[in-house]
Amino acid sequence: MKKKFKIMSLFAGYGGMDLGFIMAEHPESAYEIVWANDFDKTACETYRKNFKHDIVCGDIWDIDLDKTPNCDVIVGGFPCQDFSILRGDNRDGFKSKRGLLYTRFVEAVSKKSPLFFVAENVKGLLTTHNGWAIKKIKEDFEKVDHASYDVKYKLINFADYGVPQNRERVIIVGVRRDLKLNFVFPEPTHKNKPVPAKVALAGVENAKFNNEKIHIQPSTKKKLEFIPAGGNYKNLPGYENKNWMSLIYKRLHPNLPSPTIVANGGGGTWGYHFSEPRPLTNRERARIQTFPDNFEFVGNIPEVRKQLGNAVPPLGIKPIAEQILKMANKEIGLNKFF
């Protein structure tokens, strides 16, 4: 029987990161979730629908961390909206209570002294407050009470690891210093041969859940007549000189990874099929985010869209989870843990 590292999942959301860890493959060891938490009720409903273990639905500020189970690993994507580059110069970062939620992650690490922790956040974290935010977060994790950690972070594009989507995210990995383990991020597996959209969406029409066609305005459908696969609003007559985000009226290209799936936005931000004049269905978005077809999202179409835009792609985080298992078993040995 495989030895299992026990995971505490914070800001678990819809379970993308948790699923990536559960999917991690190693001949001698694996992971199991022993405790999970999120504030969003719809997220908790989706989580319960797809995982055998329960999730504590509530404000993490109200959680007594001393009463949570012991764990070997803590994972989570602390809320990232206040660090996102999509907000331009309006990023609040640490000025907002939401931006300070990472301190609860730090507190959990301090109280539980896990062997490892893994956090995920948006690319904008690296430039918020002129780069001070990521330095502050790293220092806080390194100096927790009861244990000290070697902390590394890296900006990765999940497309380089087999996710059919250009999605850049900051991954932060902490290793308890007494383990004397030098964590190295895994080498990209798909750097020169990314998974294209047409492969990701093959056969998607047969998927059972969240596959409803999304209403499209006649004016939007007319616009799509001018936009080729891989194009965007700049292909529209009279729009060439507008300085909009590149995702506006963006159509997928069948032979390239999808652009980043986003959680919300007005007209033109849904992402559009490469050959059909329509928005992507939520199941197509789930495919691009590498959720299996039997993973069912709870909520109406906009709610599920939000869930998918905020989610961590499981196949993107899986290599990180596997790298931890590989290095822990090879360089330290399981007997040190169990």
C-alpha atoms as a PDB file:
ATOM      1  CA  MET A   1       0.000   0.000   0.000  1.00  0.00           C
ATOM      2  CA  LYS A   2       1.264   3.459  -0.879  1.00  0.00           C
ATOM      3  CA  LYS A   3       2.193   5.845   1.893  1.00  0.00           C
ATOM      4  CA  LYS A   4       0.085   8.993   1.719  1.00  0.00           C
ATOM      5  CA  PHE A   5       1.053  12.556   2.464  1.00  0.00           C
ATOM      6  CA  LYS A   6      -1.840  14.293   4.235  1.00  0.00           C
ATOM      7  CA  ILE A   7      -2.937  17.589   2.684  1.00  0.00           C
ATOM      8  CA  MET A   8      -4.634  20.639   4.169  1.00  0.00           C
ATOM      9  CA  SER A   9      -6.246  22.633   1.359  1.00  0.00           C
ATOM     10  CA  LEU A  10      -6.828  26.356   1.934  1.00  0.00           C
ATOM     11  CA  PHE A  11      -8.844  28.560  -0.431  1.00  0.00           C
ATOM     12  CA  ALA A  12      -9.695  25.250  -2.102  1.00  0.00           C
ATOM     13  CA  GLY A  13     -12.165  26.794  -4.520  1.00  0.00           C
ATOM     14  CA  TYR A  14     -13.496  24.241  -6.935  1.00  0.00           C
ATOM     15  CA  GLY A  15     -10.730  21.742  -6.267  1.00  0.00           C
ATOM     16  CA  GLY A  16      -8.395  22.192  -9.237  1.00  0.00           C
ATOM     17  CA  MET A  17      -5.239  22.196  -7.143  1.00  0.00           C
ATOM     18  CA  ASP A  18      -6.525  19.381  -4.936  1.00  0.00           C
ATOM     19  CA  LEU A  19      -7.355  17.266  -7.979  1.00  0.00           C
ATOM     20  CA  GLY A  20      -3.879  17.869  -9.399  1.00  0.00           C
ATOM     21  CA  PHE A  21      -2.298  16.549  -6.204  1.00  0.00           C
ATOM     22  CA  ILE A  22      -4.639  13.558  -6.034  1.00  0.00           C
ATOM     23  CA  MET A  23      -3.774  12.729  -9.658  1.00  0.00           C
ATOM     24  CA  ALA A  24      -0.023  12.790  -8.936  1.00  0.00           C
ATOM     25  CA  GLU A  25       1.630   9.478  -9.744  1.00  0.00           C
ATOM     26  CA  HIS A  26       4.471   7.781  -7.854  1.00  0.00           C
ATOM     27  CA  PRO A  27       5.105   4.054  -7.237  1.00  0.00           C
ATOM     28  CA  GLU A  28       5.579   4.423  -3.479  1.00  0.00           C
ATOM     29  CA  SER A  29       3.554   7.390  -2.277  1.00  0.00           C
ATOM     30  CA  ALA A  30       0.530   9.570  -2.964  1.00  0.00           C
ATOM     31  CA  TYR A  31      -1.569  12.331  -1.418  1.00  0.00           C
ATOM     32  CA  GLU A  32      -4.869  12.469   0.429  1.00  0.00           C
ATOM     33  CA  ILE A  33      -6.885  15.529   1.436  1.00  0.00           C
ATOM     34  CA  VAL A  34      -7.635  15.529   5.169  1.00  0.00           C
ATOM     35  CA  TRP A  35      -9.126  19.031   5.453  1.00  0.00           C
ATOM     36  CA  ALA A  36     -10.293  21.687   3.003  1.00  0.00           C
ATOM     37  CA  ASN A  37     -11.844  25.131   3.287  1.00  0.00           C
ATOM     38  CA  ASP A  38     -13.380  27.801   1.099  1.00  0.00           C
ATOM     39  CA  PHE A  39     -15.644  30.802   1.648  1.00  0.00           C
ATOM     40  CA  ASP A  40     -17.697  30.639  -1.545  1.00  0.00           C
ATOM     41  CA  LYS A  41     -20.873  28.564  -1.149  1.00  0.00           C
ATOM     42  CA  THR A  42     -21.134  27.672  -4.835  1.00  0.00           C
ATOM     43  CA  ALA A  43     -17.504  26.581  -4.847  1.00  0.00           C
ATOM     44  CA  CYS A  44     -18.177  24.360  -1.849  1.00  0.00           C
ATOM     45  CA  GLU A  45     -21.166  22.802  -3.618  1.00  0.00           C
ATOM     46  CA  THR A  46     -19.027  21.995  -6.649  1.00  0.00           C
ATOM     47  CA  TYR A  47     -16.284  20.624  -4.403  1.00  0.00           C
ATOM     48  CA  ARG A  48     -18.675  18.323  -2.526  1.00  0.00           C
ATOM     49  CA  LYS A  49     -20.122  17.115  -5.812  1.00  0.00           C
ATOM     50  CA  ASN A  50     -16.752  15.843  -7.003  1.00  0.00           C
ATOM     51  CA  PHE A  51     -14.706  14.758  -3.979  1.00  0.00           C
ATOM     52  CA  LYS A  52     -15.262  12.008  -1.422  1.00  0.00           C
ATOM     53  CA  HIS A  53     -14.048  14.148   1.468  1.00  0.00           C
ATOM     54  CA  ASP A  54     -15.928  17.157   2.807  1.00  0.00           C
ATOM     55  CA  ILE A  55     -15.018  20.826   2.713  1.00  0.00           C
ATOM     56  CA  VAL A  56     -15.537  23.339   5.522  1.00  0.00           C
ATOM     57  CA  CYS A  57     -17.499  26.198   3.992  1.00  0.00           C
ATOM     58  CA  GLY A  58     -16.841  29.444   5.833  1.00  0.00           C
ATOM     59  CA  ASP A  59     -14.644  32.487   6.325  1.00  0.00           C
ATOM     60  CA  ILE A  60     -11.057  31.432   6.966  1.00  0.00           C
ATOM     61  CA  TRP A  61     -10.714  34.295   9.466  1.00  0.00           C
ATOM     62  CA  ASP A  62     -13.267  32.445  11.612  1.00  0.00           C
ATOM     63  CA  ILE A  63     -11.509  29.066  11.445  1.00  0.00           C
ATOM     64  CA  ASP A  64      -9.663  27.892  14.569  1.00  0.00           C
ATOM     65  CA  LEU A  65      -6.557  26.471  12.932  1.00  0.00           C
ATOM     66  CA  ASP A  66      -5.536  24.773  16.187  1.00  0.00           C
ATOM     67  CA  LYS A  67      -8.552  22.488  15.807  1.00  0.00           C
ATOM     68  CA  THR A  68      -7.742  21.390  12.261  1.00  0.00           C
ATOM     69  CA  PRO A  69      -6.018  18.028  11.669  1.00  0.00           C
ATOM     70  CA  ASN A  70      -2.273  17.660  11.359  1.00  0.00           C
ATOM     71  CA  CYS A  71      -0.942  17.500   7.833  1.00  0.00           C
ATOM     72  CA  ASP A  72       2.208  16.943   5.799  1.00  0.00           C
ATOM     73  CA  VAL A  73       1.450  19.418   3.024  1.00  0.00           C
ATOM     74  CA  ILE A  74      -0.552  22.650   2.815  1.00  0.00           C
ATOM     75  CA  VAL A  75      -1.769  23.803  -0.591  1.00  0.00           C
ATOM     76  CA  GLY A  76      -3.873  26.695  -1.801  1.00  0.00           C
ATOM     77  CA  GLY A  77      -4.343  29.608  -4.125  1.00  0.00           C
ATOM     78  CA  PHE A  78      -4.924  32.572  -1.854  1.00  0.00           C
ATOM     79  CA  PRO A  79      -7.281  35.102  -3.493  1.00  0.00           C
ATOM     80  CA  CYS A  80      -5.528  36.834  -6.334  1.00  0.00           C
ATOM     81  CA  GLN A  81      -7.874  39.501  -7.702  1.00  0.00           C
ATOM     82  CA  ASP A  82      -6.103  42.333  -5.895  1.00  0.00           C
ATOM     83  CA  PHE A  83      -2.801  41.326  -7.507  1.00  0.00           C
ATOM     84  CA  SER A  84      -4.098  40.707 -11.047  1.00  0.00           C
ATOM     85  CA  ILE A  85      -2.541  42.597 -13.956  1.00  0.00           C
ATOM     86  CA  LEU A  86      -6.033  42.729 -15.504  1.00  0.00           C
ATOM     87  CA  ARG A  87      -6.731  45.486 -12.986  1.00  0.00           C
ATOM     88  CA  GLY A  88      -3.877  47.569 -14.358  1.00  0.00           C
ATOM     89  CA  ASP A  89      -2.702  50.218 -11.914  1.00  0.00           C
ATOM     90  CA  ASN A  90      -5.787  49.689  -9.737  1.00  0.00           C
ATOM     91  CA  ARG A  91      -4.343  46.697  -7.885  1.00  0.00           C
ATOM     92  CA  ASP A  92      -4.969  47.043  -4.158  1.00  0.00           C
ATOM     93  CA  GLY A  93      -2.605  44.251  -3.134  1.00  0.00           C
ATOM     94  CA  PHE A  94      -1.951  44.407   0.610  1.00  0.00           C
ATOM     95  CA  LYS A  95      -4.179  47.475   0.992  1.00  0.00           C
ATOM     96  CA  SER A  96      -7.275  45.255   1.017  1.00  0.00           C
ATOM     97  CA  LYS A  97      -8.368  42.626   3.533  1.00  0.00           C
ATOM     98  CA  ARG A  98      -8.611  40.183   0.648  1.00  0.00           C
ATOM     99  CA  GLY A  99      -5.013  40.889  -0.309  1.00  0.00           C
ATOM    100  CA  LEU A 100      -3.977  40.013   3.251  1.00  0.00           C
ATOM    101  CA  LEU A 101      -5.647  36.598   3.194  1.00  0.00           C
ATOM    102  CA  TYR A 102      -2.258  35.056   2.452  1.00  0.00           C
ATOM    103  CA  THR A 103      -1.389  35.733   6.115  1.00  0.00           C
ATOM    104  CA  ARG A 104      -3.853  33.008   7.117  1.00  0.00           C
ATOM    105  CA  PHE A 105      -1.930  30.641   4.864  1.00  0.00           C
ATOM    106  CA  VAL A 106       1.254  31.731   6.636  1.00  0.00           C
ATOM    107  CA  GLU A 107      -0.408  31.198  10.012  1.00  0.00           C
ATOM    108  CA  ALA A 108      -1.510  27.696   9.008  1.00  0.00           C
ATOM    109  CA  VAL A 109       2.062  26.858   8.016  1.00  0.00           C
ATOM    110  CA  SER A 110       3.271  28.245  11.341  1.00  0.00           C
ATOM    111  CA  LYS A 111       0.805  26.188  13.390  1.00  0.00           C
ATOM    112  CA  LYS A 112       1.019  22.922  11.446  1.00  0.00           C
ATOM    113  CA  SER A 113       4.710  22.906  10.447  1.00  0.00           C
ATOM    114  CA  PRO A 114       4.059  20.866   7.287  1.00  0.00           C
ATOM    115  CA  LEU A 115       6.895  19.247   5.379  1.00  0.00           C
ATOM    116  CA  PHE A 116       5.980  21.233   2.269  1.00  0.00           C
ATOM    117  CA  PHE A 117       3.560  23.880   1.105  1.00  0.00           C
ATOM    118  CA  VAL A 118       2.509  24.972  -2.370  1.00  0.00           C
ATOM    119  CA  ALA A 119       0.718  28.216  -3.233  1.00  0.00           C
ATOM    120  CA  GLU A 120      -0.521  29.514  -6.583  1.00  0.00           C
ATOM    121  CA  ASN A 121      -1.191  33.091  -7.629  1.00  0.00           C
ATOM    122  CA  VAL A 122      -1.425  35.388 -10.620  1.00  0.00           C
ATOM    123  CA  LYS A 123       1.492  36.796 -12.600  1.00  0.00           C
ATOM    124  CA  GLY A 124       0.700  40.278 -11.283  1.00  0.00           C
ATOM    125  CA  LEU A 125       1.891  39.240  -7.835  1.00  0.00           C
ATOM    126  CA  LEU A 126       5.452  39.724  -9.096  1.00  0.00           C
ATOM    127  CA  THR A 127       4.921  43.408  -9.900  1.00  0.00           C
ATOM    128  CA  THR A 128       2.391  44.514  -7.258  1.00  0.00           C
ATOM    129  CA  HIS A 129       3.839  47.326  -5.116  1.00  0.00           C
ATOM    130  CA  ASN A 130       6.852  47.398  -7.460  1.00  0.00           C
ATOM    131  CA  GLY A 131       7.831  43.826  -6.611  1.00  0.00           C
ATOM    132  CA  TRP A 132       7.669  44.312  -2.862  1.00  0.00           C
ATOM    133  CA  ALA A 133       4.590  42.062  -2.472  1.00  0.00           C
ATOM    134  CA  ILE A 134       6.264  38.817  -3.535  1.00  0.00           C
ATOM    135  CA  LYS A 135       9.356  39.609  -1.453  1.00  0.00           C
ATOM    136  CA  LYS A 136       7.194  40.254   1.605  1.00  0.00           C
ATOM    137  CA  ILE A 137       5.225  37.033   1.105  1.00  0.00           C
ATOM    138  CA  LYS A 138       8.424  35.018   0.676  1.00  0.00           C
ATOM    139  CA  GLU A 139       9.946  36.510   3.829  1.00  0.00           C
ATOM    140  CA  ASP A 140       6.795  35.850   5.854  1.00  0.00           C
ATOM    141  CA  PHE A 141       6.783  32.194   4.859  1.00  0.00           C
ATOM    142  CA  GLU A 142      10.494  31.829   5.587  1.00  0.00           C
ATOM    143  CA  LYS A 143      10.174  33.206   9.108  1.00  0.00           C
ATOM    144  CA  VAL A 144       7.133  31.370  10.485  1.00  0.00           C
ATOM    145  CA  ASP A 145       7.130  30.291  14.129  1.00  0.00           C
ATOM    146  CA  HIS A 146       8.064  26.725  15.129  1.00  0.00           C
ATOM    147  CA  ALA A 147       9.879  25.960  11.847  1.00  0.00           C
ATOM    148  CA  SER A 148      11.763  27.662   9.049  1.00  0.00           C
ATOM    149  CA  TYR A 149      11.331  27.107   5.339  1.00  0.00           C
ATOM    150  CA  ASP A 150      13.297  27.352   2.150  1.00  0.00           C
ATOM    151  CA  VAL A 151      10.931  29.154  -0.197  1.00  0.00           C
ATOM    152  CA  LYS A 152      11.187  29.305  -3.960  1.00  0.00           C
ATOM    153  CA  TYR A 153       8.833  30.818  -6.495  1.00  0.00           C
ATOM    154  CA  LYS A 154       8.655  30.696 -10.248  1.00  0.00           C
ATOM    155  CA  LEU A 155       6.489  32.122 -12.994  1.00  0.00           C
ATOM    156  CA  ILE A 156       5.368  29.204 -15.132  1.00  0.00           C
ATOM    157  CA  ASN A 157       3.155  28.896 -18.187  1.00  0.00           C
ATOM    158  CA  PHE A 158       0.903  25.883 -17.692  1.00  0.00           C
ATOM    159  CA  ALA A 159       0.986  25.338 -21.472  1.00  0.00           C
ATOM    160  CA  ASP A 160       4.590  24.182 -20.998  1.00  0.00           C
ATOM    161  CA  TYR A 161       3.278  21.290 -18.892  1.00  0.00           C
ATOM    162  CA  GLY A 162       0.554  19.991 -21.193  1.00  0.00           C
ATOM    163  CA  VAL A 163      -2.332  22.330 -20.398  1.00  0.00           C
ATOM    164  CA  PRO A 164      -3.941  23.449 -23.698  1.00  0.00           C
ATOM    165  CA  GLN A 165      -3.925  27.067 -22.576  1.00  0.00           C
ATOM    166  CA  ASN A 166      -1.430  29.879 -22.185  1.00  0.00           C
ATOM    167  CA  ARG A 167      -1.915  30.551 -18.495  1.00  0.00           C
ATOM    168  CA  GLU A 168       0.950  32.139 -16.577  1.00  0.00           C
ATOM    169  CA  ARG A 169       0.898  31.742 -12.831  1.00  0.00           C
ATOM    170  CA  VAL A 170       3.318  32.160  -9.933  1.00  0.00           C
ATOM    171  CA  ILE A 171       3.958  28.928  -8.041  1.00  0.00           C
ATOM    172  CA  ILE A 172       5.435  29.219  -4.542  1.00  0.00           C
ATOM    173  CA  VAL A 173       6.952  26.100  -2.967  1.00  0.00           C
ATOM    174  CA  GLY A 174       8.185  25.886   0.605  1.00  0.00           C
ATOM    175  CA  VAL A 175      10.268  23.046   2.040  1.00  0.00           C
ATOM    176  CA  ARG A 176      10.852  22.726   5.760  1.00  0.00           C
ATOM    177  CA  ARG A 177      14.499  23.543   6.290  1.00  0.00           C
ATOM    178  CA  ASP A 178      15.320  20.583   8.534  1.00  0.00           C
ATOM    179  CA  LEU A 179      14.590  18.259   5.593  1.00  0.00           C
ATOM    180  CA  LYS A 180      17.621  19.664   3.775  1.00  0.00           C
ATOM    181  CA  LEU A 181      15.888  19.172   0.448  1.00  0.00           C
ATOM    182  CA  ASN A 182      16.731  21.456  -2.453  1.00  0.00           C
ATOM    183  CA  PHE A 183      13.484  21.649  -4.391  1.00  0.00           C
ATOM    184  CA  VAL A 184      13.887  22.095  -8.137  1.00  0.00           C
ATOM    185  CA  PHE A 185      10.909  22.955 -10.304  1.00  0.00           C
ATOM    186  CA  PRO A 186      10.195  20.238 -12.895  1.00  0.00           C
ATOM    187  CA  GLU A 187      11.395  20.747 -16.436  1.00  0.00           C
ATOM    188  CA  PRO A 188       8.684  21.665 -18.958  1.00  0.00           C
ATOM    189  CA  THR A 189       7.280  18.691 -20.833  1.00  0.00           C
ATOM    190  CA  HIS A 190       5.526  20.522 -23.676  1.00  0.00           C
ATOM    191  CA  LYS A 191       7.646  23.635 -24.216  1.00  0.00           C
ATOM    192  CA  ASN A 192       8.183  22.950 -27.913  1.00  0.00           C
ATOM    193  CA  LYS A 193       4.997  21.003 -28.580  1.00  0.00           C
ATOM    194  CA  PRO A 194       2.042  22.472 -26.669  1.00  0.00           C
ATOM    195  CA  VAL A 195      -1.359  20.801 -26.742  1.00  0.00           C
ATOM    196  CA  PRO A 196      -3.552  22.632 -29.294  1.00  0.00           C
ATOM    197  CA  ALA A 197      -7.174  23.625 -28.835  1.00  0.00           C
ATOM    198  CA  LYS A 198      -8.482  21.167 -31.431  1.00  0.00           C
ATOM    199  CA  VAL A 199      -7.012  18.264 -29.449  1.00  0.00           C
ATOM    200  CA  ALA A 200      -8.413  19.576 -26.174  1.00  0.00           C
ATOM    201  CA  LEU A 201     -11.918  19.958 -27.600  1.00  0.00           C
ATOM    202  CA  ALA A 202     -12.089  16.727 -29.602  1.00  0.00           C
ATOM    203  CA  GLY A 203     -15.317  14.872 -28.823  1.00  0.00           C
ATOM    204  CA  VAL A 204     -16.450  17.472 -26.299  1.00  0.00           C
ATOM    205  CA  GLU A 205     -19.964  17.425 -27.737  1.00  0.00           C
ATOM    206  CA  ASN A 206     -20.442  14.043 -26.043  1.00  0.00           C
ATOM    207  CA  ALA A 207     -19.686  15.351 -22.546  1.00  0.00           C
ATOM    208  CA  LYS A 208     -22.646  15.146 -20.171  1.00  0.00           C
ATOM    209  CA  PHE A 209     -22.161  18.045 -17.760  1.00  0.00           C
ATOM    210  CA  ASN A 210     -22.043  21.849 -18.235  1.00  0.00           C
ATOM    211  CA  ASN A 211     -22.263  21.572 -22.004  1.00  0.00           C
ATOM    212  CA  GLU A 212     -25.096  24.017 -22.675  1.00  0.00           C
ATOM    213  CA  LYS A 213     -24.703  26.285 -25.673  1.00  0.00           C
ATOM    214  CA  ILE A 214     -24.365  29.916 -24.618  1.00  0.00           C
ATOM    215  CA  HIS A 215     -26.602  32.610 -26.083  1.00  0.00           C
ATOM    216  CA  ILE A 216     -24.850  34.927 -28.490  1.00  0.00           C
ATOM    217  CA  GLN A 217     -26.063  38.361 -29.525  1.00  0.00           C
ATOM    218  CA  PRO A 218     -26.671  38.753 -33.291  1.00  0.00           C
ATOM    219  CA  SER A 219     -24.240  41.692 -33.293  1.00  0.00           C
ATOM    220  CA  THR A 220     -21.514  39.522 -31.769  1.00  0.00           C
ATOM    221  CA  LYS A 221     -22.171  36.743 -34.263  1.00  0.00           C
ATOM    222  CA  LYS A 222     -21.829  39.311 -37.052  1.00  0.00           C
ATOM    223  CA  LYS A 223     -18.487  40.458 -35.637  1.00  0.00           C
ATOM    224  CA  LEU A 224     -17.175  36.894 -35.625  1.00  0.00           C
ATOM    225  CA  GLU A 225     -17.628  36.763 -39.402  1.00  0.00           C
ATOM    226  CA  PHE A 226     -14.672  39.155 -39.675  1.00  0.00           C
ATOM    227  CA  ILE A 227     -12.444  37.409 -37.145  1.00  0.00           C
ATOM    228  CA  PRO A 228     -10.371  34.417 -38.283  1.00  0.00           C
ATOM    229  CA  ALA A 229      -9.211  31.615 -36.019  1.00  0.00           C
ATOM    230  CA  GLY A 230      -6.635  33.068 -33.634  1.00  0.00           C
ATOM    231  CA  GLY A 231      -7.788  36.632 -34.287  1.00  0.00           C
ATOM    232  CA  ASN A 232      -9.470  39.195 -32.053  1.00  0.00           C
ATOM    233  CA  TYR A 233     -11.142  42.609 -32.129  1.00  0.00           C
ATOM    234  CA  LYS A 234      -8.303  44.081 -34.210  1.00  0.00           C
ATOM    235  CA  ASN A 235      -9.646  42.145 -37.199  1.00  0.00           C
ATOM    236  CA  LEU A 236     -12.897  44.136 -37.051  1.00  0.00           C
ATOM    237  CA  PRO A 237     -13.279  47.057 -39.470  1.00  0.00           C
ATOM    238  CA  GLY A 238     -12.794  50.300 -37.564  1.00  0.00           C
ATOM    239  CA  TYR A 239     -11.405  48.599 -34.458  1.00  0.00           C
ATOM    240  CA  GLU A 240      -7.768  48.318 -35.580  1.00  0.00           C
ATOM    241  CA  ASN A 241      -6.513  51.241 -33.506  1.00  0.00           C
ATOM    242  CA  LYS A 242      -8.396  50.500 -30.303  1.00  0.00           C
ATOM    243  CA  ASN A 243      -6.205  49.695 -27.324  1.00  0.00           C
ATOM    244  CA  TRP A 244      -8.222  46.899 -25.760  1.00  0.00           C
ATOM    245  CA  MET A 245      -7.087  43.728 -24.050  1.00  0.00           C
ATOM    246  CA  SER A 246      -6.115  41.061 -26.572  1.00  0.00           C
ATOM    247  CA  LEU A 247      -8.762  38.652 -25.244  1.00  0.00           C
ATOM    248  CA  ILE A 248     -11.623  40.837 -26.519  1.00  0.00           C
ATOM    249  CA  TYR A 249     -13.465  38.873 -29.231  1.00  0.00           C
ATOM    250  CA  LYS A 250     -10.596  36.415 -29.180  1.00  0.00           C
ATOM    251  CA  ARG A 251     -11.130  33.254 -31.213  1.00  0.00           C
ATOM    252  CA  LEU A 252      -9.185  30.128 -30.469  1.00  0.00           C
ATOM    253  CA  HIS A 253      -6.778  28.809 -33.078  1.00  0.00           C
ATOM    254  CA  PRO A 254      -7.178  25.063 -33.663  1.00  0.00           C
ATOM    255  CA  ASN A 255      -3.428  24.446 -33.807  1.00  0.00           C
ATOM    256  CA  LEU A 256      -2.435  26.558 -30.806  1.00  0.00           C
ATOM    257  CA  PRO A 257      -3.166  26.522 -27.075  1.00  0.00           C
ATOM    258  CA  SER A 258      -6.133  28.588 -25.955  1.00  0.00           C
ATOM    259  CA  PRO A 259      -5.581  32.060 -24.547  1.00  0.00           C
ATOM    260  CA  THR A 260      -6.122  32.399 -20.799  1.00  0.00           C
ATOM    261  CA  ILE A 261      -9.604  31.453 -19.615  1.00  0.00           C
ATOM    262  CA  VAL A 262     -10.947  34.343 -17.518  1.00  0.00           C
ATOM    263  CA  ALA A 263     -13.596  34.389 -14.798  1.00  0.00           C
ATOM    264  CA  ASN A 264     -15.751  37.305 -15.855  1.00  0.00           C
ATOM    265  CA  GLY A 265     -16.013  40.343 -18.061  1.00  0.00           C
ATOM    266  CA  GLY A 266     -18.466  41.971 -20.408  1.00  0.00           C
ATOM    267  CA  GLY A 267     -19.265  41.268 -24.023  1.00  0.00           C
ATOM    268  CA  GLY A 268     -16.476  39.810 -26.067  1.00  0.00           C
ATOM    269  CA  THR A 269     -14.588  38.135 -23.205  1.00  0.00           C
ATOM    270  CA  TRP A 270     -16.088  34.639 -23.301  1.00  0.00           C
ATOM    271  CA  GLY A 271     -13.592  33.148 -25.720  1.00  0.00           C
ATOM    272  CA  TYR A 272     -14.887  31.988 -29.088  1.00  0.00           C
ATOM    273  CA  HIS A 273     -14.739  28.734 -31.005  1.00  0.00           C
ATOM    274  CA  PHE A 274     -12.206  28.529 -33.822  1.00  0.00           C
ATOM    275  CA  SER A 275     -14.640  27.253 -36.498  1.00  0.00           C
ATOM    276  CA  GLU A 276     -18.146  27.922 -35.159  1.00  0.00           C
ATOM    277  CA  PRO A 277     -19.462  31.493 -34.640  1.00  0.00           C
ATOM    278  CA  ARG A 278     -20.239  31.125 -30.936  1.00  0.00           C
ATOM    279  CA  PRO A 279     -18.810  31.436 -27.430  1.00  0.00           C
ATOM    280  CA  LEU A 280     -17.159  28.425 -25.850  1.00  0.00           C
ATOM    281  CA  THR A 281     -19.415  26.278 -23.709  1.00  0.00           C
ATOM    282  CA  ASN A 282     -18.433  25.857 -20.088  1.00  0.00           C
ATOM    283  CA  ARG A 283     -17.503  22.233 -20.775  1.00  0.00           C
ATOM    284  CA  GLU A 284     -15.141  23.410 -23.495  1.00  0.00           C
ATOM    285  CA  ARG A 285     -13.668  25.833 -20.995  1.00  0.00           C
ATOM    286  CA  ALA A 286     -13.379  22.959 -18.518  1.00  0.00           C
ATOM    287  CA  ARG A 287     -11.525  20.901 -21.140  1.00  0.00           C
ATOM    288  CA  ILE A 288      -9.118  23.791 -21.661  1.00  0.00           C
ATOM    289  CA  GLN A 289      -8.650  23.938 -17.882  1.00  0.00           C
ATOM    290  CA  THR A 290      -7.994  20.126 -17.944  1.00  0.00           C
ATOM    291  CA  PHE A 291     -10.917  19.099 -15.756  1.00  0.00           C
ATOM    292  CA  PRO A 292     -12.202  15.622 -16.671  1.00  0.00           C
ATOM    293  CA  ASP A 293     -15.627  15.357 -18.287  1.00  0.00           C
ATOM    294  CA  ASN A 294     -17.089  13.674 -15.199  1.00  0.00           C
ATOM    295  CA  PHE A 295     -16.239  16.723 -13.072  1.00  0.00           C
ATOM    296  CA  GLU A 296     -19.547  18.537 -12.644  1.00  0.00           C
ATOM    297  CA  PHE A 297     -19.692  22.246 -11.830  1.00  0.00           C
ATOM    298  CA  VAL A 298     -22.677  23.479  -9.800  1.00  0.00           C
ATOM    299  CA  GLY A 299     -24.404  26.747 -10.683  1.00  0.00           C
ATOM    300  CA  ASN A 300     -25.843  28.679 -13.601  1.00  0.00           C
ATOM    301  CA  ILE A 301     -23.816  29.468 -16.714  1.00  0.00           C
ATOM    302  CA  PRO A 302     -22.204  32.731 -15.439  1.00  0.00           C
ATOM    303  CA  GLU A 303     -21.438  31.121 -12.058  1.00  0.00           C
ATOM    304  CA  VAL A 304     -19.749  28.142 -13.697  1.00  0.00           C
ATOM    305  CA  ARG A 305     -17.863  30.484 -16.005  1.00  0.00           C
ATOM    306  CA  LYS A 306     -16.530  32.269 -12.920  1.00  0.00           C
ATOM    307  CA  GLN A 307     -15.542  28.979 -11.308  1.00  0.00           C
ATOM    308  CA  LEU A 308     -13.605  27.892 -14.374  1.00  0.00           C
ATOM    309  CA  GLY A 309     -11.853  31.229 -14.806  1.00  0.00           C
ATOM    310  CA  ASN A 310     -10.646  31.175 -11.199  1.00  0.00           C
ATOM    311  CA  ALA A 311      -9.671  27.508 -11.118  1.00  0.00           C
ATOM    312  CA  VAL A 312      -6.200  25.981 -11.119  1.00  0.00           C
ATOM    313  CA  PRO A 313      -5.795  23.531 -14.031  1.00  0.00           C
ATOM    314  CA  PRO A 314      -5.219  20.105 -12.421  1.00  0.00           C
ATOM    315  CA  LEU A 315      -2.794  18.919 -15.105  1.00  0.00           C
ATOM    316  CA  GLY A 316      -0.770  22.091 -14.611  1.00  0.00           C
ATOM    317  CA  ILE A 317      -0.224  21.527 -10.892  1.00  0.00           C
ATOM    318  CA  LYS A 318       0.213  17.743 -11.165  1.00  0.00           C
ATOM    319  CA  PRO A 319       3.913  17.954 -12.217  1.00  0.00           C
ATOM    320  CA  ILE A 320       4.663  20.093  -9.145  1.00  0.00           C
ATOM    321  CA  ALA A 321       2.953  17.529  -6.910  1.00  0.00           C
ATOM    322  CA  GLU A 322       4.840  14.684  -8.572  1.00  0.00           C
ATOM    323  CA  GLN A 323       8.148  16.498  -8.256  1.00  0.00           C
ATOM    324  CA  ILE A 324       7.653  16.767  -4.496  1.00  0.00           C
ATOM    325  CA  LEU A 325       6.930  13.030  -4.236  1.00  0.00           C
ATOM    326  CA  LYS A 326       9.877  12.175  -6.441  1.00  0.00           C
ATOM    327  CA  MET A 327      12.388  14.316  -4.570  1.00  0.00           C
ATOM    328  CA  ALA A 328      11.068  13.404  -1.121  1.00  0.00           C
ATOM    329  CA  ASN A 329      11.344   9.690  -1.841  1.00  0.00           C
ATOM    330  CA  LYS A 330      14.690   9.851  -3.620  1.00  0.00           C
ATOM    331  CA  GLU A 331      16.618  12.329  -1.512  1.00  0.00           C
ATOM    332  CA  ILE A 332      15.160  11.754   1.942  1.00  0.00           C
ATOM    333  CA  GLY A 333      13.310   8.453   1.961  1.00  0.00           C
ATOM    334  CA  LEU A 334       9.803   7.744   3.170  1.00  0.00           C
ATOM    335  CA  ASN A 335      10.903   6.313   6.505  1.00  0.00           C
ATOM    336  CA  LYS A 336      11.666   9.846   7.644  1.00  0.00           C
ATOM    337  CA  PHE A 337       7.991  10.714   7.290  1.00  0.00           C
ATOM    338  CA  PHE A 338       6.058   7.598   8.271  1.00  0.00           C
END
